[in-house]
N, C-alpha and C. Protein backbone atom coordinates (compact mmCIF):
# COMPACT_ATOMS: atom_id res chain seq x y z
N MET A 1 -45.42 -9.77 19.83
CA MET A 1 -45.80 -10.96 19.10
C MET A 1 -45.91 -10.60 17.62
N LYS A 2 -45.32 -11.41 16.80
CA LYS A 2 -45.35 -11.22 15.36
C LYS A 2 -46.73 -11.64 14.83
N PRO A 3 -47.32 -10.84 13.93
CA PRO A 3 -48.63 -11.23 13.38
C PRO A 3 -48.52 -12.48 12.51
N ARG A 4 -49.50 -13.34 12.65
CA ARG A 4 -49.57 -14.57 11.86
C ARG A 4 -50.94 -14.66 11.21
N ILE A 5 -51.00 -15.25 10.04
CA ILE A 5 -52.28 -15.52 9.39
C ILE A 5 -52.81 -16.82 9.96
N ILE A 6 -54.07 -16.79 10.37
CA ILE A 6 -54.72 -17.99 10.90
C ILE A 6 -56.00 -18.26 10.10
N SER A 7 -56.37 -19.51 10.04
CA SER A 7 -57.61 -19.92 9.40
C SER A 7 -58.67 -20.13 10.46
N THR A 8 -59.87 -19.67 10.18
CA THR A 8 -60.98 -19.85 11.10
C THR A 8 -62.27 -19.86 10.28
N LYS A 9 -63.37 -19.93 10.96
CA LYS A 9 -64.68 -19.87 10.29
C LYS A 9 -65.41 -18.63 10.77
N CYS A 10 -66.17 -18.03 9.86
CA CYS A 10 -67.00 -16.89 10.22
C CYS A 10 -67.99 -17.35 11.27
N LYS A 11 -68.09 -16.59 12.36
CA LYS A 11 -68.99 -17.00 13.43
C LYS A 11 -70.45 -16.75 13.10
N ARG A 12 -70.73 -16.11 11.97
CA ARG A 12 -72.11 -15.88 11.56
C ARG A 12 -72.58 -16.86 10.48
N CYS A 13 -71.76 -17.07 9.45
CA CYS A 13 -72.21 -17.92 8.34
C CYS A 13 -71.44 -19.22 8.21
N GLY A 14 -70.30 -19.35 8.91
CA GLY A 14 -69.52 -20.58 8.88
C GLY A 14 -68.54 -20.68 7.73
N LYS A 15 -68.44 -19.64 6.89
CA LYS A 15 -67.50 -19.67 5.76
C LYS A 15 -66.06 -19.67 6.29
N ASN A 16 -65.18 -20.41 5.62
CA ASN A 16 -63.76 -20.40 5.97
C ASN A 16 -63.17 -19.04 5.64
N ILE A 17 -62.43 -18.47 6.59
CA ILE A 17 -61.79 -17.18 6.37
C ILE A 17 -60.36 -17.23 6.91
N ALA A 18 -59.54 -16.32 6.41
CA ALA A 18 -58.18 -16.14 6.93
C ALA A 18 -58.14 -14.77 7.60
N THR A 19 -57.52 -14.71 8.75
CA THR A 19 -57.41 -13.45 9.48
C THR A 19 -56.06 -13.43 10.19
N LEU A 20 -55.74 -12.33 10.80
CA LEU A 20 -54.51 -12.25 11.58
C LEU A 20 -54.79 -12.62 13.02
N ASN A 21 -53.76 -13.06 13.72
CA ASN A 21 -53.92 -13.44 15.12
C ASN A 21 -53.99 -12.23 16.05
N ARG A 22 -53.66 -11.03 15.52
CA ARG A 22 -53.75 -9.81 16.33
C ARG A 22 -53.98 -8.62 15.41
N SER A 23 -54.38 -7.53 15.98
CA SER A 23 -54.58 -6.30 15.21
C SER A 23 -53.23 -5.70 14.85
N LEU A 24 -53.06 -5.32 13.60
CA LEU A 24 -51.81 -4.67 13.19
C LEU A 24 -51.69 -3.27 13.77
N TYR A 25 -52.82 -2.64 14.05
CA TYR A 25 -52.83 -1.24 14.45
C TYR A 25 -53.07 -1.01 15.93
N GLY A 26 -53.32 -2.06 16.67
CA GLY A 26 -53.59 -1.91 18.09
C GLY A 26 -55.06 -1.74 18.42
N ALA A 27 -55.92 -2.02 17.47
CA ALA A 27 -57.37 -1.94 17.69
C ALA A 27 -57.84 -3.30 18.22
N ASN A 28 -57.35 -3.65 19.40
CA ASN A 28 -57.56 -5.00 19.94
C ASN A 28 -59.01 -5.31 20.29
N ALA A 29 -59.74 -4.33 20.80
CA ALA A 29 -61.15 -4.58 21.14
C ALA A 29 -61.96 -4.87 19.88
N ALA A 30 -61.72 -4.11 18.82
CA ALA A 30 -62.43 -4.35 17.55
C ALA A 30 -62.03 -5.69 16.96
N LYS A 31 -60.75 -6.05 17.06
CA LYS A 31 -60.29 -7.34 16.57
C LYS A 31 -60.97 -8.48 17.32
N ALA A 32 -61.08 -8.33 18.63
CA ALA A 32 -61.74 -9.37 19.43
C ALA A 32 -63.22 -9.50 19.07
N GLN A 33 -63.86 -8.38 18.83
CA GLN A 33 -65.30 -8.39 18.56
C GLN A 33 -65.63 -8.81 17.13
N TYR A 34 -64.84 -8.36 16.15
CA TYR A 34 -65.20 -8.56 14.74
C TYR A 34 -64.21 -9.42 13.95
N GLY A 35 -63.15 -9.87 14.57
CA GLY A 35 -62.09 -10.56 13.86
C GLY A 35 -62.46 -11.90 13.27
N SER A 36 -63.55 -12.49 13.71
CA SER A 36 -63.98 -13.79 13.18
C SER A 36 -65.28 -13.68 12.41
N ILE A 37 -65.48 -12.54 11.79
CA ILE A 37 -66.67 -12.33 10.97
C ILE A 37 -66.20 -11.98 9.56
N CYS A 38 -66.73 -12.65 8.55
CA CYS A 38 -66.32 -12.38 7.18
C CYS A 38 -66.89 -11.05 6.70
N LYS A 39 -66.29 -10.50 5.65
CA LYS A 39 -66.70 -9.18 5.16
C LYS A 39 -68.14 -9.19 4.65
N ASP A 40 -68.63 -10.33 4.18
CA ASP A 40 -70.00 -10.41 3.69
C ASP A 40 -71.03 -10.33 4.82
N CYS A 41 -70.63 -10.73 6.01
CA CYS A 41 -71.55 -10.74 7.15
C CYS A 41 -71.49 -9.47 8.00
N LEU A 42 -70.44 -8.67 7.81
CA LEU A 42 -70.33 -7.42 8.60
C LEU A 42 -71.43 -6.46 8.18
N LEU A 43 -72.08 -5.89 9.16
CA LEU A 43 -73.12 -4.90 8.91
C LEU A 43 -72.47 -3.53 8.69
N PRO A 44 -73.13 -2.64 7.97
CA PRO A 44 -72.54 -1.32 7.70
C PRO A 44 -72.08 -0.58 8.96
N HIS A 45 -72.87 -0.63 10.03
CA HIS A 45 -72.47 0.10 11.24
C HIS A 45 -71.26 -0.57 11.91
N GLU A 46 -71.10 -1.89 11.73
CA GLU A 46 -69.94 -2.58 12.28
C GLU A 46 -68.67 -2.19 11.51
N LYS A 47 -68.79 -2.04 10.20
CA LYS A 47 -67.64 -1.61 9.40
C LYS A 47 -67.19 -0.22 9.85
N ILE A 48 -68.14 0.65 10.14
CA ILE A 48 -67.81 2.00 10.61
C ILE A 48 -67.12 1.92 11.97
N GLU A 49 -67.61 1.06 12.86
CA GLU A 49 -66.97 0.90 14.19
C GLU A 49 -65.53 0.43 14.04
N ILE A 50 -65.28 -0.50 13.13
CA ILE A 50 -63.92 -1.00 12.90
C ILE A 50 -63.04 0.13 12.39
N GLU A 51 -63.53 0.88 11.41
CA GLU A 51 -62.76 1.99 10.86
C GLU A 51 -62.41 3.02 11.93
N LYS A 52 -63.37 3.34 12.79
CA LYS A 52 -63.13 4.30 13.87
C LYS A 52 -62.11 3.76 14.87
N ALA A 53 -62.21 2.47 15.19
CA ALA A 53 -61.27 1.87 16.14
C ALA A 53 -59.85 1.89 15.59
N VAL A 54 -59.68 1.57 14.31
CA VAL A 54 -58.36 1.59 13.69
C VAL A 54 -57.85 3.03 13.62
N GLU A 55 -58.71 3.94 13.24
CA GLU A 55 -58.33 5.36 13.17
C GLU A 55 -57.84 5.86 14.54
N ASN A 56 -58.56 5.53 15.59
CA ASN A 56 -58.17 5.95 16.94
C ASN A 56 -56.87 5.30 17.38
N ALA A 57 -56.69 4.02 17.05
CA ALA A 57 -55.46 3.32 17.43
C ALA A 57 -54.25 3.92 16.72
N VAL A 58 -54.38 4.22 15.44
CA VAL A 58 -53.28 4.83 14.69
C VAL A 58 -53.00 6.22 15.22
N TYR A 59 -54.03 6.97 15.51
CA TYR A 59 -53.87 8.32 16.05
C TYR A 59 -53.09 8.27 17.37
N ARG A 60 -53.45 7.33 18.24
CA ARG A 60 -52.74 7.19 19.53
C ARG A 60 -51.26 6.88 19.31
N LYS A 61 -50.96 6.03 18.33
CA LYS A 61 -49.55 5.70 18.05
C LYS A 61 -48.79 6.89 17.51
N VAL A 62 -49.44 7.73 16.74
CA VAL A 62 -48.77 8.91 16.16
C VAL A 62 -48.54 9.95 17.25
N ILE A 63 -49.52 10.15 18.12
CA ILE A 63 -49.43 11.17 19.18
C ILE A 63 -48.44 10.74 20.26
N SER A 64 -48.51 9.48 20.68
CA SER A 64 -47.58 9.00 21.71
C SER A 64 -46.97 7.68 21.25
N PRO A 65 -45.94 7.75 20.40
CA PRO A 65 -45.38 6.54 19.80
C PRO A 65 -44.68 5.59 20.77
N ASN A 66 -44.36 6.01 21.97
CA ASN A 66 -43.66 5.13 22.91
C ASN A 66 -44.59 4.31 23.68
């Protein structure tokens, strides 16, 4: 599936945000959990979780690209 930009609202503050319909890196669990939260509402530990999830997804693609 080709990534698309979608409009939604932050599930914490209600601000209009734009996000992708899927994770570019394969961090699907993090996308499902945090994809509808704006950057102002993300807590520091959540940002770290997202970074780790993306790092792990990219690492998996590099190690086993097929």
